[in-house]
Amino acid sequence: MKKDFNYYTNLYEGDKGDNPIKGNHYANYYESFFYPIKETVTNICEIGIQNGASLNTFKDYFPNSQIIGLDVGDKSQFNTPRIITQILDQSKPTQLENFVTQCKESNIKFDIILDDGSHDIEHQQLTFGKFFKLLKPNGIYVLEDLGTSFMEVDGVSNVYGNYQTQEKLENSTLGFLFNRPFSSPWISEDDLDYINQKVKYISTFDKLNEPPYNHGKIRCLNNMKIRSITSIIQKK
């Protein structure tokens, strides 16, 4: 069996693989971007740890990498010689800025940053605005679970406790990625200038989820089915 990114994702029972019940099918999409750099990647940052599946997938797939995992909860049980976890709430600008300062002081730049955190529109853009500058030249920023850009404003639907609002819907992350110049109410003008100058390309993957995939009680605009949408943003 070919030990590609999808293989390791399924091995650790992550949700990025092609498991028919919970798989988002992201892993096969990522393979074409990750395979050419799998031996040269040295630093990875993942936001959102959950059960540690992605941390271990990164560790095995990128044999020369050090991985920093960030999560709102204590995930130190996943620490290894190559994996370090830290508590960070991506809804808090000060915590994001403190991490950026920490990386600068330690002279750390990342080959890959993957946001699999809260999935909230505001948090996605806030984090991207702060963290994009931490990428190396030609580094890859993976922004996952963009289906929240289609969630209804109904006071009921939420993703991990973060409710949709009209402001978020009007400034969706998908809209942010596809409109030029980049604009966001949650990103400073200086950071927007940097992003507008430094984004090389954006690629997206959009998959309609069919049964038996289970997406709970999330409701989308116009009664659309929930979609698995992710993106690759490469820096110049």
C-alpha atoms as a PDB file:
ATOM      1  CA  MET A   1       0.000   0.000   0.000  1.00  0.00           C
ATOM      2  CA  LYS A   2       1.260   3.457  -0.894  1.00  0.00           C
ATOM      3  CA  LYS A   3       2.042   5.360   2.296  1.00  0.00           C
ATOM      4  CA  ASP A   4       0.790   8.750   1.174  1.00  0.00           C
ATOM      5  CA  PHE A   5      -0.797  11.503   3.277  1.00  0.00           C
ATOM      6  CA  ASN A   6      -4.180   9.792   3.067  1.00  0.00           C
ATOM      7  CA  TYR A   7      -2.677   6.518   4.334  1.00  0.00           C
ATOM      8  CA  TYR A   8      -1.319   8.143   7.505  1.00  0.00           C
ATOM      9  CA  THR A   9      -4.512  10.151   8.024  1.00  0.00           C
ATOM     10  CA  ASN A  10      -6.569   6.958   8.004  1.00  0.00           C
ATOM     11  CA  LEU A  11      -3.982   5.129  10.090  1.00  0.00           C
ATOM     12  CA  TYR A  12      -4.468   7.647  12.906  1.00  0.00           C
ATOM     13  CA  GLU A  13      -8.247   7.841  12.342  1.00  0.00           C
ATOM     14  CA  GLY A  14      -8.235  11.495  11.361  1.00  0.00           C
ATOM     15  CA  ASP A  15     -11.056  13.242   9.518  1.00  0.00           C
ATOM     16  CA  LYS A  16      -8.970  14.483   6.573  1.00  0.00           C
ATOM     17  CA  GLY A  17      -8.917  11.076   4.857  1.00  0.00           C
ATOM     18  CA  ASP A  18     -11.431   9.136   2.791  1.00  0.00           C
ATOM     19  CA  ASN A  19     -13.302   7.433   5.624  1.00  0.00           C
ATOM     20  CA  PRO A  20     -16.903   7.310   4.264  1.00  0.00           C
ATOM     21  CA  ILE A  21     -18.516   8.270   7.577  1.00  0.00           C
ATOM     22  CA  LYS A  22     -16.353  11.151   8.771  1.00  0.00           C
ATOM     23  CA  GLY A  23     -13.745  11.739   6.061  1.00  0.00           C
ATOM     24  CA  ASN A  24     -13.461  15.139   4.409  1.00  0.00           C
ATOM     25  CA  HIS A  25     -11.255  13.734   1.606  1.00  0.00           C
ATOM     26  CA  TYR A  26      -8.761  16.561   2.083  1.00  0.00           C
ATOM     27  CA  ALA A  27      -5.733  14.258   2.288  1.00  0.00           C
ATOM     28  CA  ASN A  28      -5.713  13.181  -1.349  1.00  0.00           C
ATOM     29  CA  TYR A  29      -5.989  16.831  -2.383  1.00  0.00           C
ATOM     30  CA  TYR A  30      -3.089  17.790  -0.118  1.00  0.00           C
ATOM     31  CA  GLU A  31      -0.868  15.028  -1.492  1.00  0.00           C
ATOM     32  CA  SER A  32      -0.008  16.865  -4.702  1.00  0.00           C
ATOM     33  CA  PHE A  33       1.163  19.884  -2.697  1.00  0.00           C
ATOM     34  CA  PHE A  34       2.891  17.996   0.116  1.00  0.00           C
ATOM     35  CA  TYR A  35       4.680  15.218  -1.769  1.00  0.00           C
ATOM     36  CA  PRO A  36       7.249  17.447  -3.547  1.00  0.00           C
ATOM     37  CA  ILE A  37       8.352  18.944  -0.204  1.00  0.00           C
ATOM     38  CA  LYS A  38       7.951  15.988   2.154  1.00  0.00           C
ATOM     39  CA  GLU A  39      11.715  15.552   2.695  1.00  0.00           C
ATOM     40  CA  THR A  40      12.535  19.263   3.032  1.00  0.00           C
ATOM     41  CA  VAL A  41       9.804  20.444   5.417  1.00  0.00           C
ATOM     42  CA  THR A  42      11.326  21.277   8.808  1.00  0.00           C
ATOM     43  CA  ASN A  43       8.671  23.294  10.684  1.00  0.00           C
ATOM     44  CA  ILE A  44       4.899  22.802  10.794  1.00  0.00           C
ATOM     45  CA  CYS A  45       2.252  24.584  12.869  1.00  0.00           C
ATOM     46  CA  GLU A  46      -1.233  23.153  13.317  1.00  0.00           C
ATOM     47  CA  ILE A  47      -4.084  25.057  14.965  1.00  0.00           C
ATOM     48  CA  GLY A  48      -6.647  22.686  16.461  1.00  0.00           C
ATOM     49  CA  ILE A  49      -5.435  19.342  17.777  1.00  0.00           C
ATOM     50  CA  GLN A  50      -8.537  17.366  18.762  1.00  0.00           C
ATOM     51  CA  ASN A  51      -7.382  13.727  19.089  1.00  0.00           C
ATOM     52  CA  GLY A  52      -3.842  14.286  17.819  1.00  0.00           C
ATOM     53  CA  ALA A  53      -4.418  12.460  14.529  1.00  0.00           C
ATOM     54  CA  SER A  54      -3.046  15.239  12.325  1.00  0.00           C
ATOM     55  CA  LEU A  55      -0.003  15.803  14.527  1.00  0.00           C
ATOM     56  CA  ASN A  56       0.950  12.161  14.157  1.00  0.00           C
ATOM     57  CA  THR A  57       0.145  12.194  10.446  1.00  0.00           C
ATOM     58  CA  PHE A  58       2.491  15.143   9.948  1.00  0.00           C
ATOM     59  CA  LYS A  59       5.172  13.462  12.056  1.00  0.00           C
ATOM     60  CA  ASP A  60       5.160  10.281   9.973  1.00  0.00           C
ATOM     61  CA  TYR A  61       4.644  11.843   6.553  1.00  0.00           C
ATOM     62  CA  PHE A  62       7.253  14.600   6.967  1.00  0.00           C
ATOM     63  CA  PRO A  63      10.200  12.698   8.465  1.00  0.00           C
ATOM     64  CA  ASN A  64      12.414  15.756   9.050  1.00  0.00           C
ATOM     65  CA  SER A  65       9.786  18.009  10.592  1.00  0.00           C
ATOM     66  CA  GLN A  66       9.246  19.574  13.992  1.00  0.00           C
ATOM     67  CA  ILE A  67       5.573  20.242  14.727  1.00  0.00           C
ATOM     68  CA  ILE A  68       3.959  22.831  16.984  1.00  0.00           C
ATOM     69  CA  GLY A  69       0.316  22.157  17.828  1.00  0.00           C
ATOM     70  CA  LEU A  70      -1.918  24.926  19.169  1.00  0.00           C
ATOM     71  CA  ASP A  71      -5.236  24.321  20.896  1.00  0.00           C
ATOM     72  CA  VAL A  72      -7.591  26.017  23.359  1.00  0.00           C
ATOM     73  CA  GLY A  73      -7.142  23.035  25.699  1.00  0.00           C
ATOM     74  CA  ASP A  74      -4.173  21.268  27.216  1.00  0.00           C
ATOM     75  CA  LYS A  75      -3.014  18.660  24.681  1.00  0.00           C
ATOM     76  CA  SER A  76       0.371  17.948  26.244  1.00  0.00           C
ATOM     77  CA  GLN A  77      -0.382  14.214  26.178  1.00  0.00           C
ATOM     78  CA  PHE A  78       0.582  14.354  22.487  1.00  0.00           C
ATOM     79  CA  ASN A  79       4.033  15.846  23.119  1.00  0.00           C
ATOM     80  CA  THR A  80       6.958  13.856  21.725  1.00  0.00           C
ATOM     81  CA  PRO A  81      10.557  14.763  20.830  1.00  0.00           C
ATOM     82  CA  ARG A  82       9.200  16.096  17.505  1.00  0.00           C
ATOM     83  CA  ILE A  83       5.794  17.432  18.637  1.00  0.00           C
ATOM     84  CA  ILE A  84       5.292  20.363  21.014  1.00  0.00           C
ATOM     85  CA  THR A  85       1.825  21.555  22.003  1.00  0.00           C
ATOM     86  CA  GLN A  86       0.791  24.913  23.423  1.00  0.00           C
ATOM     87  CA  ILE A  87      -2.455  26.379  24.699  1.00  0.00           C
ATOM     88  CA  LEU A  88      -3.709  29.163  22.442  1.00  0.00           C
ATOM     89  CA  ASP A  89      -7.181  30.601  21.811  1.00  0.00           C
ATOM     90  CA  GLN A  90      -7.311  31.825  18.222  1.00  0.00           C
ATOM     91  CA  SER A  91     -10.203  34.141  19.050  1.00  0.00           C
ATOM     92  CA  LYS A  92      -7.819  36.219  21.213  1.00  0.00           C
ATOM     93  CA  PRO A  93      -5.661  38.643  19.164  1.00  0.00           C
ATOM     94  CA  THR A  94      -3.215  39.116  22.037  1.00  0.00           C
ATOM     95  CA  GLN A  95      -2.528  35.389  22.222  1.00  0.00           C
ATOM     96  CA  LEU A  96      -1.985  35.232  18.473  1.00  0.00           C
ATOM     97  CA  GLU A  97       0.387  38.205  18.635  1.00  0.00           C
ATOM     98  CA  ASN A  98       2.279  36.637  21.552  1.00  0.00           C
ATOM     99  CA  PHE A  99       2.834  33.464  19.512  1.00  0.00           C
ATOM    100  CA  VAL A 100       4.088  35.510  16.558  1.00  0.00           C
ATOM    101  CA  THR A 101       6.533  37.294  18.888  1.00  0.00           C
ATOM    102  CA  GLN A 102       7.643  33.972  20.370  1.00  0.00           C
ATOM    103  CA  CYS A 103       8.392  32.589  16.912  1.00  0.00           C
ATOM    104  CA  LYS A 104      10.288  35.717  15.867  1.00  0.00           C
ATOM    105  CA  GLU A 105      12.403  35.636  19.028  1.00  0.00           C
ATOM    106  CA  SER A 106      13.183  31.952  18.391  1.00  0.00           C
ATOM    107  CA  ASN A 107      13.826  32.591  14.687  1.00  0.00           C
ATOM    108  CA  ILE A 108      11.129  30.094  13.687  1.00  0.00           C
ATOM    109  CA  LYS A 109       9.476  30.201  10.272  1.00  0.00           C
ATOM    110  CA  PHE A 110       7.084  27.537   9.046  1.00  0.00           C
ATOM    111  CA  ASP A 111       6.926  25.520   5.835  1.00  0.00           C
ATOM    112  CA  ILE A 112       3.275  24.683   6.554  1.00  0.00           C
ATOM    113  CA  ILE A 113       0.647  26.289   8.787  1.00  0.00           C
ATOM    114  CA  LEU A 114      -2.687  24.467   8.966  1.00  0.00           C
ATOM    115  CA  ASP A 115      -5.776  26.017  10.569  1.00  0.00           C
ATOM    116  CA  ASP A 116      -8.140  23.278  11.725  1.00  0.00           C
ATOM    117  CA  GLY A 117      -9.221  25.246  14.780  1.00  0.00           C
ATOM    118  CA  SER A 118     -12.586  26.766  15.614  1.00  0.00           C
ATOM    119  CA  HIS A 119     -13.745  26.986  11.943  1.00  0.00           C
ATOM    120  CA  ASP A 120     -15.318  30.344  12.818  1.00  0.00           C
ATOM    121  CA  ILE A 121     -15.136  32.896   9.998  1.00  0.00           C
ATOM    122  CA  GLU A 122     -13.802  35.697  12.206  1.00  0.00           C
ATOM    123  CA  HIS A 123     -11.203  33.439  13.837  1.00  0.00           C
ATOM    124  CA  GLN A 124     -10.038  32.065  10.475  1.00  0.00           C
ATOM    125  CA  GLN A 125      -9.295  35.522   9.104  1.00  0.00           C
ATOM    126  CA  LEU A 126      -7.936  36.918  12.364  1.00  0.00           C
ATOM    127  CA  THR A 127      -5.457  34.039  12.601  1.00  0.00           C
ATOM    128  CA  PHE A 128      -4.484  34.218   8.942  1.00  0.00           C
ATOM    129  CA  GLY A 129      -3.806  37.930   9.271  1.00  0.00           C
ATOM    130  CA  LYS A 130      -1.441  37.345  12.184  1.00  0.00           C
ATOM    131  CA  PHE A 131       0.215  34.083  11.094  1.00  0.00           C
ATOM    132  CA  PHE A 132       0.725  34.476   7.333  1.00  0.00           C
ATOM    133  CA  LYS A 133       3.927  36.400   8.000  1.00  0.00           C
ATOM    134  CA  LEU A 134       5.308  33.355   9.876  1.00  0.00           C
ATOM    135  CA  LEU A 135       5.540  31.347   6.640  1.00  0.00           C
ATOM    136  CA  LYS A 136       8.835  30.845   4.870  1.00  0.00           C
ATOM    137  CA  PRO A 137       9.059  31.993   1.235  1.00  0.00           C
ATOM    138  CA  ASN A 138       7.020  29.479  -0.814  1.00  0.00           C
ATOM    139  CA  GLY A 139       5.434  28.244   2.424  1.00  0.00           C
ATOM    140  CA  ILE A 140       1.910  26.843   2.440  1.00  0.00           C
ATOM    141  CA  TYR A 141      -1.001  28.025   4.588  1.00  0.00           C
ATOM    142  CA  VAL A 142      -3.832  25.497   4.750  1.00  0.00           C
ATOM    143  CA  LEU A 143      -7.183  27.007   5.717  1.00  0.00           C
ATOM    144  CA  GLU A 144      -9.700  24.243   6.360  1.00  0.00           C
ATOM    145  CA  ASP A 145     -13.422  23.810   6.805  1.00  0.00           C
ATOM    146  CA  LEU A 146     -14.596  26.820   4.854  1.00  0.00           C
ATOM    147  CA  GLY A 147     -18.115  25.433   4.671  1.00  0.00           C
ATOM    148  CA  THR A 148     -18.866  27.717   7.622  1.00  0.00           C
ATOM    149  CA  SER A 149     -19.010  30.508   5.041  1.00  0.00           C
ATOM    150  CA  PHE A 150     -22.430  29.094   4.057  1.00  0.00           C
ATOM    151  CA  MET A 151     -23.917  28.606   7.517  1.00  0.00           C
ATOM    152  CA  GLU A 152     -27.286  30.182   8.242  1.00  0.00           C
ATOM    153  CA  VAL A 153     -27.747  33.090  10.604  1.00  0.00           C
ATOM    154  CA  ASP A 154     -30.459  31.587  12.742  1.00  0.00           C
ATOM    155  CA  GLY A 155     -29.243  31.703  16.354  1.00  0.00           C
ATOM    156  CA  VAL A 156     -29.246  27.916  16.420  1.00  0.00           C
ATOM    157  CA  SER A 157     -26.625  26.576  14.022  1.00  0.00           C
ATOM    158  CA  ASN A 158     -23.117  26.709  15.392  1.00  0.00           C
ATOM    159  CA  VAL A 159     -19.766  25.079  14.849  1.00  0.00           C
ATOM    160  CA  TYR A 160     -18.094  24.161  18.105  1.00  0.00           C
ATOM    161  CA  GLY A 161     -19.954  26.907  19.978  1.00  0.00           C
ATOM    162  CA  ASN A 162     -19.266  29.784  17.585  1.00  0.00           C
ATOM    163  CA  TYR A 163     -22.498  31.187  16.199  1.00  0.00           C
ATOM    164  CA  GLN A 164     -22.911  32.618  12.739  1.00  0.00           C
ATOM    165  CA  THR A 165     -23.662  36.349  12.459  1.00  0.00           C
ATOM    166  CA  GLN A 166     -24.669  38.570   9.578  1.00  0.00           C
ATOM    167  CA  GLU A 167     -21.306  40.342   9.738  1.00  0.00           C
ATOM    168  CA  LYS A 168     -19.490  37.031   9.378  1.00  0.00           C
ATOM    169  CA  LEU A 169     -21.710  35.969   6.490  1.00  0.00           C
ATOM    170  CA  GLU A 170     -21.138  39.278   4.696  1.00  0.00           C
ATOM    171  CA  ASN A 171     -17.378  38.904   5.193  1.00  0.00           C
ATOM    172  CA  SER A 172     -17.092  35.146   4.682  1.00  0.00           C
ATOM    173  CA  THR A 173     -13.707  33.493   4.449  1.00  0.00           C
ATOM    174  CA  LEU A 174     -14.466  32.180   0.963  1.00  0.00           C
ATOM    175  CA  GLY A 175     -15.270  35.730  -0.079  1.00  0.00           C
ATOM    176  CA  PHE A 176     -12.030  36.883   1.521  1.00  0.00           C
ATOM    177  CA  LEU A 177      -9.999  34.365  -0.485  1.00  0.00           C
ATOM    178  CA  PHE A 178     -11.598  35.120  -3.849  1.00  0.00           C
ATOM    179  CA  ASN A 179     -11.910  38.921  -3.812  1.00  0.00           C
ATOM    180  CA  ARG A 180      -9.023  41.254  -4.681  1.00  0.00           C
ATOM    181  CA  PRO A 181      -7.507  43.142  -3.105  1.00  0.00           C
ATOM    182  CA  PHE A 182      -7.804  41.097   0.083  1.00  0.00           C
ATOM    183  CA  SER A 183     -10.041  42.802   2.612  1.00  0.00           C
ATOM    184  CA  SER A 184     -11.257  41.818   6.074  1.00  0.00           C
ATOM    185  CA  PRO A 185     -12.702  43.663   9.083  1.00  0.00           C
ATOM    186  CA  TRP A 186     -10.567  41.447  11.336  1.00  0.00           C
ATOM    187  CA  ILE A 187      -7.168  42.039   9.715  1.00  0.00           C
ATOM    188  CA  SER A 188      -5.140  45.233  10.144  1.00  0.00           C
ATOM    189  CA  GLU A 189      -4.295  47.397   7.146  1.00  0.00           C
ATOM    190  CA  ASP A 190      -0.589  46.640   7.531  1.00  0.00           C
ATOM    191  CA  ASP A 191      -1.224  42.900   7.528  1.00  0.00           C
ATOM    192  CA  LEU A 192      -3.593  43.219   4.559  1.00  0.00           C
ATOM    193  CA  ASP A 193      -0.911  45.113   2.623  1.00  0.00           C
ATOM    194  CA  TYR A 194       1.552  42.314   3.378  1.00  0.00           C
ATOM    195  CA  ILE A 195      -0.928  39.619   2.325  1.00  0.00           C
ATOM    196  CA  ASN A 196      -1.801  41.438  -0.903  1.00  0.00           C
ATOM    197  CA  GLN A 197       1.881  41.618  -1.795  1.00  0.00           C
ATOM    198  CA  LYS A 198       2.901  38.113  -0.724  1.00  0.00           C
ATOM    199  CA  VAL A 199       0.157  35.669  -1.763  1.00  0.00           C
ATOM    200  CA  LYS A 200       1.413  33.675  -4.747  1.00  0.00           C
ATOM    201  CA  TYR A 201      -1.676  31.572  -5.439  1.00  0.00           C
ATOM    202  CA  ILE A 202      -4.779  30.071  -3.846  1.00  0.00           C
ATOM    203  CA  SER A 203      -6.241  26.657  -4.630  1.00  0.00           C
ATOM    204  CA  THR A 204      -9.479  25.310  -3.171  1.00  0.00           C
ATOM    205  CA  PHE A 205     -11.067  21.883  -2.801  1.00  0.00           C
ATOM    206  CA  ASP A 206     -14.854  21.695  -2.521  1.00  0.00           C
ATOM    207  CA  LYS A 207     -16.656  18.405  -1.890  1.00  0.00           C
ATOM    208  CA  LEU A 208     -20.369  17.815  -1.392  1.00  0.00           C
ATOM    209  CA  ASN A 209     -20.839  15.480   1.554  1.00  0.00           C
ATOM    210  CA  GLU A 210     -23.257  12.625   0.943  1.00  0.00           C
ATOM    211  CA  PRO A 211     -24.587  10.002   3.406  1.00  0.00           C
ATOM    212  CA  PRO A 212     -23.273   8.178   5.377  1.00  0.00           C
ATOM    213  CA  TYR A 213     -21.141  11.278   6.157  1.00  0.00           C
ATOM    214  CA  ASN A 214     -22.579  12.728   9.368  1.00  0.00           C
ATOM    215  CA  HIS A 215     -22.545  16.499   9.820  1.00  0.00           C
ATOM    216  CA  GLY A 216     -24.937  16.769  12.755  1.00  0.00           C
ATOM    217  CA  LYS A 217     -27.504  19.570  12.887  1.00  0.00           C
ATOM    218  CA  ILE A 218     -25.572  22.260  11.033  1.00  0.00           C
ATOM    219  CA  ARG A 219     -27.867  24.232   8.703  1.00  0.00           C
ATOM    220  CA  CYS A 220     -26.674  26.007   5.585  1.00  0.00           C
ATOM    221  CA  LEU A 221     -28.087  28.778   3.421  1.00  0.00           C
ATOM    222  CA  ASN A 222     -30.898  27.831   1.041  1.00  0.00           C
ATOM    223  CA  ASN A 223     -31.037  24.354   2.609  1.00  0.00           C
ATOM    224  CA  MET A 224     -27.736  23.430   0.975  1.00  0.00           C
ATOM    225  CA  LYS A 225     -26.001  20.333   2.214  1.00  0.00           C
ATOM    226  CA  ILE A 226     -22.845  20.871   4.228  1.00  0.00           C
ATOM    227  CA  ARG A 227     -19.699  20.859   2.098  1.00  0.00           C
ATOM    228  CA  SER A 228     -16.108  19.966   2.905  1.00  0.00           C
ATOM    229  CA  ILE A 229     -14.075  22.902   1.637  1.00  0.00           C
ATOM    230  CA  THR A 230     -10.388  23.557   2.210  1.00  0.00           C
ATOM    231  CA  SER A 231      -7.743  25.761   0.627  1.00  0.00           C
ATOM    232  CA  ILE A 232      -4.040  25.970  -0.075  1.00  0.00           C
ATOM    233  CA  ILE A 233      -2.526  29.457   0.028  1.00  0.00           C
ATOM    234  CA  GLN A 234       1.093  29.680  -1.073  1.00  0.00           C
ATOM    235  CA  LYS A 235       3.343  32.561  -0.165  1.00  0.00           C
ATOM    236  CA  LYS A 236       5.728  34.113  -2.659  1.00  0.00           C
END
